[in-house]
Amino acid sequence: MQNLTVLGTGVLGSQIIFQSAYAGKDVVAYDLSDEILAKLPERWDYLRAAYLRDRPDATDEKLDAAVSRIRATSDLADALSGADIVIEAVPESLEIKQQTWEKVSALAPEKTIFATNSSTLLPSAIAPFVDRPAKFLALHFANEVWKFNTGEVMGHPGTDPEVFEQVARFAEEIGMVPIRIMKEQPGYVLNSLLVPFLDAGAALFVKGVATPADIDKTWKIATGAPSGPFEIFDVVGMMTPYYLGKDSADPVKREFAEILKRDYIDRGRLGKGSGHGFYDYE
């Protein structure tokens, strides 16, 4: 599968785009407006610097070639016209994802395989909204994909096993380590472990037990881990935990979402990718 279309150019969507292009794929980056897409060159500059810093194989020539393989468009039909595989990285809202896949189904070629990068939603909750459920599954990436290169592949009961294996091979082709999830599990493996950890950190903050900096410091000193929960929130970006928490039945999660919206998102502190989150970055 040489021709990839990525729906959504946010923090993780842009990373999937860049990593796939770096691995030699031809990538179409789709988002809702040209104004959003106009910000992509700045995002590529940020990722170029990250690759040069973190990847021994990165060179200016390889990074130039990666950027040259990326084409951006706000026309969905154009974005899908030649796609072998579509990876959806739109906001973590079931309704938004279902509506997106209905539109994609009406426009994508018959050959196209569909993959959602949803962090928590099950493929079976979205599959009824696609016209080819046998070719639909999840392919989930960890944030900072150039360093933390897992590709969790998870089907639903109607996913064709051969399509499952095709997507696992595709993940390997773009430099990921494919993790085959054998049955549907909210959060896959990674987020089944990570989300309770982040929720615990958020609850300590919401309840006024400690500051984000001290929560992170405690975890890192006591366990030797490289990052605390709020440093991880900054890498993930504020939008995903906000969408996950704003309608939660858990009052602590709802309050955390309100804090994220009021004190961070509305102030442009969207996480590490924007230069500001719980912490400030260069």
C-alpha atoms as a PDB file:
ATOM      1  CA  MET A   1       0.000   0.000   0.000  1.00  0.00           C
ATOM      2  CA  GLN A   2       1.916   2.976  -1.332  1.00  0.00           C
ATOM      3  CA  ASN A   3      -0.730   5.701  -1.317  1.00  0.00           C
ATOM      4  CA  LEU A   4      -1.881   6.826   2.119  1.00  0.00           C
ATOM      5  CA  THR A   5      -4.472   9.456   3.036  1.00  0.00           C
ATOM      6  CA  VAL A   6      -4.551  10.783   6.592  1.00  0.00           C
ATOM      7  CA  LEU A   7      -7.714  12.516   7.785  1.00  0.00           C
ATOM      8  CA  GLY A   8      -6.798  15.142  10.364  1.00  0.00           C
ATOM      9  CA  THR A   9      -3.545  17.072  10.716  1.00  0.00           C
ATOM     10  CA  GLY A  10      -3.460  17.605  14.474  1.00  0.00           C
ATOM     11  CA  VAL A  11      -0.688  16.457  16.776  1.00  0.00           C
ATOM     12  CA  LEU A  12      -0.838  12.753  15.974  1.00  0.00           C
ATOM     13  CA  GLY A  13      -2.245  13.040  12.465  1.00  0.00           C
ATOM     14  CA  SER A  14       0.691  15.186  11.392  1.00  0.00           C
ATOM     15  CA  GLN A  15       3.116  12.717  12.949  1.00  0.00           C
ATOM     16  CA  ILE A  16       1.553   9.802  11.048  1.00  0.00           C
ATOM     17  CA  ILE A  17       1.765  11.823   7.841  1.00  0.00           C
ATOM     18  CA  PHE A  18       5.401  12.750   8.329  1.00  0.00           C
ATOM     19  CA  GLN A  19       6.560   9.318   9.501  1.00  0.00           C
ATOM     20  CA  SER A  20       4.832   7.578   6.589  1.00  0.00           C
ATOM     21  CA  ALA A  21       6.396   9.990   4.099  1.00  0.00           C
ATOM     22  CA  TYR A  22       9.778   9.536   5.783  1.00  0.00           C
ATOM     23  CA  ALA A  23       9.363   5.774   5.240  1.00  0.00           C
ATOM     24  CA  GLY A  24       8.757   6.353   1.512  1.00  0.00           C
ATOM     25  CA  LYS A  25       4.968   6.440   1.237  1.00  0.00           C
ATOM     26  CA  ASP A  26       3.098   9.022  -0.842  1.00  0.00           C
ATOM     27  CA  VAL A  27       0.808  10.794   1.594  1.00  0.00           C
ATOM     28  CA  VAL A  28      -2.195  13.076   1.196  1.00  0.00           C
ATOM     29  CA  ALA A  29      -2.882  15.219   4.263  1.00  0.00           C
ATOM     30  CA  TYR A  30      -6.555  16.158   4.561  1.00  0.00           C
ATOM     31  CA  ASP A  31      -8.157  18.669   6.889  1.00  0.00           C
ATOM     32  CA  LEU A  32     -11.289  20.769   6.891  1.00  0.00           C
ATOM     33  CA  SER A  33      -9.872  24.073   5.639  1.00  0.00           C
ATOM     34  CA  ASP A  34      -6.951  25.608   3.799  1.00  0.00           C
ATOM     35  CA  GLU A  35      -6.359  27.801   6.859  1.00  0.00           C
ATOM     36  CA  ILE A  36      -5.610  24.686   8.928  1.00  0.00           C
ATOM     37  CA  LEU A  37      -3.417  23.223   6.206  1.00  0.00           C
ATOM     38  CA  ALA A  38      -1.448  26.475   5.906  1.00  0.00           C
ATOM     39  CA  LYS A  39       0.054  25.690   9.319  1.00  0.00           C
ATOM     40  CA  LEU A  40       1.574  22.400   8.159  1.00  0.00           C
ATOM     41  CA  PRO A  41       4.958  23.774   7.020  1.00  0.00           C
ATOM     42  CA  GLU A  42       5.502  24.977  10.588  1.00  0.00           C
ATOM     43  CA  ARG A  43       4.624  21.509  11.863  1.00  0.00           C
ATOM     44  CA  TRP A  44       7.050  19.913   9.381  1.00  0.00           C
ATOM     45  CA  ASP A  45       9.818  22.210  10.656  1.00  0.00           C
ATOM     46  CA  TYR A  46       9.069  21.086  14.214  1.00  0.00           C
ATOM     47  CA  LEU A  47       9.176  17.413  13.202  1.00  0.00           C
ATOM     48  CA  ARG A  48      12.335  17.851  11.118  1.00  0.00           C
ATOM     49  CA  ALA A  49      14.105  19.175  14.195  1.00  0.00           C
ATOM     50  CA  ALA A  50      12.767  16.290  16.286  1.00  0.00           C
ATOM     51  CA  TYR A  51      13.974  13.678  13.773  1.00  0.00           C
ATOM     52  CA  LEU A  52      17.418  15.269  13.552  1.00  0.00           C
ATOM     53  CA  ARG A  53      17.611  15.279  17.341  1.00  0.00           C
ATOM     54  CA  ASP A  54      16.233  11.795  18.033  1.00  0.00           C
ATOM     55  CA  ARG A  55      16.933   9.608  15.002  1.00  0.00           C
ATOM     56  CA  PRO A  56      20.522   8.715  14.082  1.00  0.00           C
ATOM     57  CA  ASP A  57      19.467   7.935  10.491  1.00  0.00           C
ATOM     58  CA  ALA A  58      17.874  11.353   9.868  1.00  0.00           C
ATOM     59  CA  THR A  59      19.524  13.714   7.374  1.00  0.00           C
ATOM     60  CA  ASP A  60      18.378  16.928   5.757  1.00  0.00           C
ATOM     61  CA  GLU A  61      18.166  15.115   2.427  1.00  0.00           C
ATOM     62  CA  LYS A  62      15.895  12.377   3.802  1.00  0.00           C
ATOM     63  CA  LEU A  63      13.694  14.948   5.504  1.00  0.00           C
ATOM     64  CA  ASP A  64      13.452  17.055   2.324  1.00  0.00           C
ATOM     65  CA  ALA A  65      12.395  13.917   0.458  1.00  0.00           C
ATOM     66  CA  ALA A  66       9.749  13.157   3.107  1.00  0.00           C
ATOM     67  CA  VAL A  67       8.204  16.623   2.827  1.00  0.00           C
ATOM     68  CA  SER A  68       8.197  16.328  -0.968  1.00  0.00           C
ATOM     69  CA  ARG A  69       6.029  13.184  -0.698  1.00  0.00           C
ATOM     70  CA  ILE A  70       3.282  15.012   1.235  1.00  0.00           C
ATOM     71  CA  ARG A  71       0.377  16.728  -0.525  1.00  0.00           C
ATOM     72  CA  ALA A  72      -2.236  18.699   1.410  1.00  0.00           C
ATOM     73  CA  THR A  73      -5.861  19.260   0.429  1.00  0.00           C
ATOM     74  CA  SER A  74      -9.149  20.339   1.982  1.00  0.00           C
ATOM     75  CA  ASP A  75     -11.143  18.580  -0.771  1.00  0.00           C
ATOM     76  CA  LEU A  76     -12.180  15.194   0.609  1.00  0.00           C
ATOM     77  CA  ALA A  77     -12.933  13.632  -2.772  1.00  0.00           C
ATOM     78  CA  ASP A  78      -9.498  14.705  -4.023  1.00  0.00           C
ATOM     79  CA  ALA A  79      -7.837  13.394  -0.865  1.00  0.00           C
ATOM     80  CA  LEU A  80      -9.394   9.947  -1.276  1.00  0.00           C
ATOM     81  CA  SER A  81      -9.165   9.532  -5.034  1.00  0.00           C
ATOM     82  CA  GLY A  82      -6.036   7.346  -5.118  1.00  0.00           C
ATOM     83  CA  ALA A  83      -5.894   6.028  -1.562  1.00  0.00           C
ATOM     84  CA  ASP A  84      -4.800   2.462  -0.897  1.00  0.00           C
ATOM     85  CA  ILE A  85      -5.371   3.037   2.816  1.00  0.00           C
ATOM     86  CA  VAL A  86      -7.020   5.824   4.830  1.00  0.00           C
ATOM     87  CA  ILE A  87      -6.036   6.518   8.428  1.00  0.00           C
ATOM     88  CA  GLU A  88      -8.488   8.688  10.337  1.00  0.00           C
ATOM     89  CA  ALA A  89      -7.084  10.896  13.105  1.00  0.00           C
ATOM     90  CA  VAL A  90     -10.000  13.271  13.752  1.00  0.00           C
ATOM     91  CA  PRO A  91     -11.052  14.358  17.287  1.00  0.00           C
ATOM     92  CA  GLU A  92     -11.813  11.584  19.783  1.00  0.00           C
ATOM     93  CA  SER A  93     -15.585  11.853  19.494  1.00  0.00           C
ATOM     94  CA  LEU A  94     -17.667   8.859  18.420  1.00  0.00           C
ATOM     95  CA  GLU A  95     -20.164  11.082  16.594  1.00  0.00           C
ATOM     96  CA  ILE A  96     -17.446  12.943  14.678  1.00  0.00           C
ATOM     97  CA  LYS A  97     -15.754   9.691  13.707  1.00  0.00           C
ATOM     98  CA  GLN A  98     -19.009   8.065  12.590  1.00  0.00           C
ATOM     99  CA  GLN A  99     -19.940  11.092  10.467  1.00  0.00           C
ATOM    100  CA  THR A 100     -16.450  11.205   8.983  1.00  0.00           C
ATOM    101  CA  TRP A 101     -16.537   7.565   7.923  1.00  0.00           C
ATOM    102  CA  GLU A 102     -19.974   7.924   6.350  1.00  0.00           C
ATOM    103  CA  LYS A 103     -18.567  10.696   4.140  1.00  0.00           C
ATOM    104  CA  VAL A 104     -15.411   8.735   3.358  1.00  0.00           C
ATOM    105  CA  SER A 105     -17.403   5.618   2.421  1.00  0.00           C
ATOM    106  CA  ALA A 106     -19.314   7.562  -0.209  1.00  0.00           C
ATOM    107  CA  LEU A 107     -16.136   8.816  -1.890  1.00  0.00           C
ATOM    108  CA  ALA A 108     -13.303   6.310  -1.457  1.00  0.00           C
ATOM    109  CA  PRO A 109     -12.364   3.823  -4.206  1.00  0.00           C
ATOM    110  CA  GLU A 110     -13.467   0.239  -3.713  1.00  0.00           C
ATOM    111  CA  LYS A 111      -9.870  -0.886  -3.128  1.00  0.00           C
ATOM    112  CA  THR A 112      -9.315   1.399  -0.140  1.00  0.00           C
ATOM    113  CA  ILE A 113      -8.750  -0.027   3.340  1.00  0.00           C
ATOM    114  CA  PHE A 114     -10.069   2.034   6.250  1.00  0.00           C
ATOM    115  CA  ALA A 115      -8.289   2.440   9.597  1.00  0.00           C
ATOM    116  CA  THR A 116      -9.175   4.550  12.613  1.00  0.00           C
ATOM    117  CA  ASN A 117      -6.497   5.799  14.983  1.00  0.00           C
ATOM    118  CA  SER A 118      -9.032   6.154  17.802  1.00  0.00           C
ATOM    119  CA  SER A 119      -7.390   5.984  21.224  1.00  0.00           C
ATOM    120  CA  THR A 120     -10.353   4.549  23.133  1.00  0.00           C
ATOM    121  CA  LEU A 121     -13.298   3.814  20.829  1.00  0.00           C
ATOM    122  CA  LEU A 122     -13.930   0.309  19.525  1.00  0.00           C
ATOM    123  CA  PRO A 123     -13.897  -0.389  15.779  1.00  0.00           C
ATOM    124  CA  SER A 124     -17.245  -2.165  16.143  1.00  0.00           C
ATOM    125  CA  ALA A 125     -18.817   1.138  17.260  1.00  0.00           C
ATOM    126  CA  ILE A 126     -17.778   2.739  13.954  1.00  0.00           C
ATOM    127  CA  ALA A 127     -17.979  -0.207  11.527  1.00  0.00           C
ATOM    128  CA  PRO A 128     -21.772   0.165  10.904  1.00  0.00           C
ATOM    129  CA  PHE A 129     -21.054   3.604   9.453  1.00  0.00           C
ATOM    130  CA  VAL A 130     -18.699   2.353   6.730  1.00  0.00           C
ATOM    131  CA  ASP A 131     -19.690   0.685   3.492  1.00  0.00           C
ATOM    132  CA  ARG A 132     -16.986  -2.007   3.726  1.00  0.00           C
ATOM    133  CA  PRO A 133     -16.821  -3.257   7.334  1.00  0.00           C
ATOM    134  CA  ALA A 134     -14.616  -6.177   6.307  1.00  0.00           C
ATOM    135  CA  LYS A 135     -11.952  -3.616   5.302  1.00  0.00           C
ATOM    136  CA  PHE A 136     -12.298  -1.530   8.462  1.00  0.00           C
ATOM    137  CA  LEU A 137     -10.177  -1.794  11.609  1.00  0.00           C
ATOM    138  CA  ALA A 138      -8.079   0.253  14.013  1.00  0.00           C
ATOM    139  CA  LEU A 139      -4.402   1.154  13.695  1.00  0.00           C
ATOM    140  CA  HIS A 140      -3.283   3.008  16.792  1.00  0.00           C
ATOM    141  CA  PHE A 141      -0.018   4.921  17.152  1.00  0.00           C
ATOM    142  CA  ALA A 142       1.763   6.090  20.281  1.00  0.00           C
ATOM    143  CA  ASN A 143       2.552   9.791  20.408  1.00  0.00           C
ATOM    144  CA  GLU A 144       5.984  10.869  19.127  1.00  0.00           C
ATOM    145  CA  VAL A 145       5.863   8.048  16.602  1.00  0.00           C
ATOM    146  CA  TRP A 146       9.440   8.576  15.456  1.00  0.00           C
ATOM    147  CA  LYS A 147      10.600   7.450  18.935  1.00  0.00           C
ATOM    148  CA  PHE A 148       7.750   5.380  20.363  1.00  0.00           C
ATOM    149  CA  ASN A 149       6.999   3.295  17.331  1.00  0.00           C
ATOM    150  CA  THR A 150       4.226   0.855  18.158  1.00  0.00           C
ATOM    151  CA  GLY A 151       1.390   0.268  15.717  1.00  0.00           C
ATOM    152  CA  GLU A 152      -1.471  -1.503  17.504  1.00  0.00           C
ATOM    153  CA  VAL A 153      -3.687  -3.328  14.998  1.00  0.00           C
ATOM    154  CA  MET A 154      -7.167  -4.196  16.224  1.00  0.00           C
ATOM    155  CA  GLY A 155     -10.065  -5.470  14.156  1.00  0.00           C
ATOM    156  CA  HIS A 156     -13.732  -5.952  14.978  1.00  0.00           C
ATOM    157  CA  PRO A 157     -15.570  -9.278  14.558  1.00  0.00           C
ATOM    158  CA  GLY A 158     -16.278  -8.520  10.888  1.00  0.00           C
ATOM    159  CA  THR A 159     -12.734  -7.547   9.854  1.00  0.00           C
ATOM    160  CA  ASP A 160     -11.251  -9.722   7.102  1.00  0.00           C
ATOM    161  CA  PRO A 161      -8.183 -11.525   8.564  1.00  0.00           C
ATOM    162  CA  GLU A 162      -6.210 -10.806   5.386  1.00  0.00           C
ATOM    163  CA  VAL A 163      -6.951  -7.090   5.708  1.00  0.00           C
ATOM    164  CA  PHE A 164      -5.781  -7.310   9.328  1.00  0.00           C
ATOM    165  CA  GLU A 165      -2.467  -8.766   8.158  1.00  0.00           C
ATOM    166  CA  GLN A 166      -2.149  -6.231   5.327  1.00  0.00           C
ATOM    167  CA  VAL A 167      -2.437  -3.402   7.827  1.00  0.00           C
ATOM    168  CA  ALA A 168       0.064  -5.066  10.173  1.00  0.00           C
ATOM    169  CA  ARG A 169       2.511  -5.273   7.262  1.00  0.00           C
ATOM    170  CA  PHE A 170       1.801  -1.644   6.349  1.00  0.00           C
ATOM    171  CA  ALA A 171       2.594  -0.610   9.929  1.00  0.00           C
ATOM    172  CA  GLU A 172       5.922  -2.401   9.650  1.00  0.00           C
ATOM    173  CA  GLU A 173       6.651  -0.727   6.301  1.00  0.00           C
ATOM    174  CA  ILE A 174       6.341   2.726   7.883  1.00  0.00           C
ATOM    175  CA  GLY A 175       8.727   1.862  10.695  1.00  0.00           C
ATOM    176  CA  MET A 176       6.270   0.745  13.351  1.00  0.00           C
ATOM    177  CA  VAL A 177       6.407  -2.440  15.426  1.00  0.00           C
ATOM    178  CA  PRO A 178       3.012  -4.059  14.723  1.00  0.00           C
ATOM    179  CA  ILE A 179       1.196  -5.173  17.869  1.00  0.00           C
ATOM    180  CA  ARG A 180      -1.600  -7.583  16.960  1.00  0.00           C
ATOM    181  CA  ILE A 181      -4.573  -7.137  19.291  1.00  0.00           C
ATOM    182  CA  MET A 182      -6.421 -10.447  19.210  1.00  0.00           C
ATOM    183  CA  LYS A 183      -9.809  -9.178  20.418  1.00  0.00           C
ATOM    184  CA  GLU A 184     -11.457  -5.783  20.825  1.00  0.00           C
ATOM    185  CA  GLN A 185     -10.272  -3.976  23.923  1.00  0.00           C
ATOM    186  CA  PRO A 186     -11.045  -0.322  24.737  1.00  0.00           C
ATOM    187  CA  GLY A 187      -7.682   1.398  24.817  1.00  0.00           C
ATOM    188  CA  TYR A 188      -5.832  -1.497  23.151  1.00  0.00           C
ATOM    189  CA  VAL A 189      -2.785  -2.530  25.214  1.00  0.00           C
ATOM    190  CA  LEU A 190      -1.059   0.845  25.500  1.00  0.00           C
ATOM    191  CA  ASN A 191      -3.960   2.978  26.678  1.00  0.00           C
ATOM    192  CA  SER A 192      -5.368   0.201  28.865  1.00  0.00           C
ATOM    193  CA  LEU A 193      -2.163   0.712  30.851  1.00  0.00           C
ATOM    194  CA  LEU A 194      -1.662   4.449  30.290  1.00  0.00           C
ATOM    195  CA  VAL A 195      -5.142   5.959  30.763  1.00  0.00           C
ATOM    196  CA  PRO A 196      -5.631   4.807  34.390  1.00  0.00           C
ATOM    197  CA  PHE A 197      -2.197   6.280  35.166  1.00  0.00           C
ATOM    198  CA  LEU A 198      -3.092   9.619  33.574  1.00  0.00           C
ATOM    199  CA  ASP A 199      -6.515   9.620  35.273  1.00  0.00           C
ATOM    200  CA  ALA A 200      -4.822   9.127  38.634  1.00  0.00           C
ATOM    201  CA  GLY A 201      -2.529  12.097  38.011  1.00  0.00           C
ATOM    202  CA  ALA A 202      -5.444  14.266  36.862  1.00  0.00           C
ATOM    203  CA  ALA A 203      -7.472  13.348  39.963  1.00  0.00           C
ATOM    204  CA  LEU A 204      -4.608  14.357  42.279  1.00  0.00           C
ATOM    205  CA  PHE A 205      -4.479  17.730  40.507  1.00  0.00           C
ATOM    206  CA  VAL A 206      -8.250  18.315  40.476  1.00  0.00           C
ATOM    207  CA  LYS A 207      -8.546  17.455  44.176  1.00  0.00           C
ATOM    208  CA  GLY A 208      -5.740  19.875  45.051  1.00  0.00           C
ATOM    209  CA  VAL A 209      -3.452  17.171  46.419  1.00  0.00           C
ATOM    210  CA  ALA A 210      -0.358  18.395  44.552  1.00  0.00           C
ATOM    211  CA  THR A 211       0.695  20.517  41.587  1.00  0.00           C
ATOM    212  CA  PRO A 212       1.323  18.968  38.161  1.00  0.00           C
ATOM    213  CA  ALA A 213       5.056  19.620  38.556  1.00  0.00           C
ATOM    214  CA  ASP A 214       5.223  17.878  41.931  1.00  0.00           C
ATOM    215  CA  ILE A 215       3.103  14.960  40.738  1.00  0.00           C
ATOM    216  CA  ASP A 216       5.471  14.476  37.809  1.00  0.00           C
ATOM    217  CA  LYS A 217       8.538  14.913  40.024  1.00  0.00           C
ATOM    218  CA  THR A 218       7.292  12.301  42.495  1.00  0.00           C
ATOM    219  CA  TRP A 219       6.654   9.711  39.810  1.00  0.00           C
ATOM    220  CA  LYS A 220       9.983  10.244  38.049  1.00  0.00           C
ATOM    221  CA  ILE A 221      12.160  10.265  41.176  1.00  0.00           C
ATOM    222  CA  ALA A 222      10.448   7.329  42.838  1.00  0.00           C
ATOM    223  CA  THR A 223      10.215   5.040  39.798  1.00  0.00           C
ATOM    224  CA  GLY A 224      12.967   6.201  37.458  1.00  0.00           C
ATOM    225  CA  ALA A 225      10.391   6.784  34.704  1.00  0.00           C
ATOM    226  CA  PRO A 226      11.365   9.388  32.091  1.00  0.00           C
ATOM    227  CA  SER A 227       8.046  11.275  32.214  1.00  0.00           C
ATOM    228  CA  GLY A 228       5.245  12.014  34.644  1.00  0.00           C
ATOM    229  CA  PRO A 229       1.528  12.144  33.772  1.00  0.00           C
ATOM    230  CA  PHE A 230       1.415  15.864  32.993  1.00  0.00           C
ATOM    231  CA  GLU A 231       4.470  15.682  30.760  1.00  0.00           C
ATOM    232  CA  ILE A 232       2.636  12.897  28.931  1.00  0.00           C
ATOM    233  CA  PHE A 233      -0.519  15.039  28.714  1.00  0.00           C
ATOM    234  CA  ASP A 234       1.613  17.716  27.029  1.00  0.00           C
ATOM    235  CA  VAL A 235       2.881  15.194  24.474  1.00  0.00           C
ATOM    236  CA  VAL A 236      -0.624  13.859  23.792  1.00  0.00           C
ATOM    237  CA  GLY A 237      -2.039  17.387  23.550  1.00  0.00           C
ATOM    238  CA  MET A 238      -4.960  18.866  25.464  1.00  0.00           C
ATOM    239  CA  MET A 239      -7.726  18.121  22.976  1.00  0.00           C
ATOM    240  CA  THR A 240      -7.825  14.344  23.416  1.00  0.00           C
ATOM    241  CA  PRO A 241      -8.207  14.337  27.241  1.00  0.00           C
ATOM    242  CA  TYR A 242     -10.677  17.216  26.920  1.00  0.00           C
ATOM    243  CA  TYR A 243     -12.929  15.285  24.513  1.00  0.00           C
ATOM    244  CA  LEU A 244     -12.634  12.141  26.630  1.00  0.00           C
ATOM    245  CA  GLY A 245     -13.564  13.922  29.833  1.00  0.00           C
ATOM    246  CA  LYS A 246     -16.112  16.588  28.978  1.00  0.00           C
ATOM    247  CA  ASP A 247     -19.106  14.232  28.825  1.00  0.00           C
ATOM    248  CA  SER A 248     -17.834  11.647  31.312  1.00  0.00           C
ATOM    249  CA  ALA A 249     -20.092  10.286  34.025  1.00  0.00           C
ATOM    250  CA  ASP A 250     -17.171  10.775  36.419  1.00  0.00           C
ATOM    251  CA  PRO A 251     -17.346  14.270  37.997  1.00  0.00           C
ATOM    252  CA  VAL A 252     -13.566  14.399  38.502  1.00  0.00           C
ATOM    253  CA  LYS A 253     -12.947  13.724  34.815  1.00  0.00           C
ATOM    254  CA  ARG A 254     -15.509  16.370  33.859  1.00  0.00           C
ATOM    255  CA  GLU A 255     -13.850  18.907  36.152  1.00  0.00           C
ATOM    256  CA  PHE A 256     -10.447  18.099  34.694  1.00  0.00           C
ATOM    257  CA  ALA A 257     -11.867  18.673  31.198  1.00  0.00           C
ATOM    258  CA  GLU A 258     -13.255  22.033  32.336  1.00  0.00           C
ATOM    259  CA  ILE A 259      -9.835  23.025  33.696  1.00  0.00           C
ATOM    260  CA  LEU A 260      -8.175  22.000  30.430  1.00  0.00           C
ATOM    261  CA  LYS A 261     -10.641  24.086  28.424  1.00  0.00           C
ATOM    262  CA  ARG A 262     -10.549  27.190  30.642  1.00  0.00           C
ATOM    263  CA  ASP A 263      -6.898  27.349  31.658  1.00  0.00           C
ATOM    264  CA  TYR A 264      -5.124  25.717  28.732  1.00  0.00           C
ATOM    265  CA  ILE A 265      -7.054  25.251  25.477  1.00  0.00           C
ATOM    266  CA  ASP A 266      -8.713  28.684  25.536  1.00  0.00           C
ATOM    267  CA  ARG A 267      -5.321  30.242  26.214  1.00  0.00           C
ATOM    268  CA  GLY A 268      -3.616  28.475  23.315  1.00  0.00           C
ATOM    269  CA  ARG A 269      -1.725  26.116  25.598  1.00  0.00           C
ATOM    270  CA  LEU A 270      -2.479  22.998  23.577  1.00  0.00           C
ATOM    271  CA  GLY A 271       0.527  20.919  24.593  1.00  0.00           C
ATOM    272  CA  LYS A 272       4.121  20.397  23.571  1.00  0.00           C
ATOM    273  CA  GLY A 273       3.368  20.719  19.858  1.00  0.00           C
ATOM    274  CA  SER A 274       2.156  24.293  20.378  1.00  0.00           C
ATOM    275  CA  GLY A 275       5.110  25.201  22.608  1.00  0.00           C
ATOM    276  CA  HIS A 276       2.943  25.526  25.717  1.00  0.00           C
ATOM    277  CA  GLY A 277       0.905  23.154  27.868  1.00  0.00           C
ATOM    278  CA  PHE A 278       1.344  22.368  31.524  1.00  0.00           C
ATOM    279  CA  TYR A 279       4.939  23.333  30.778  1.00  0.00           C
ATOM    280  CA  ASP A 280       6.613  25.780  28.391  1.00  0.00           C
ATOM    281  CA  TYR A 281       8.815  24.517  25.568  1.00  0.00           C
ATOM    282  CA  GLU A 282      11.148  26.178  23.087  1.00  0.00           C
END
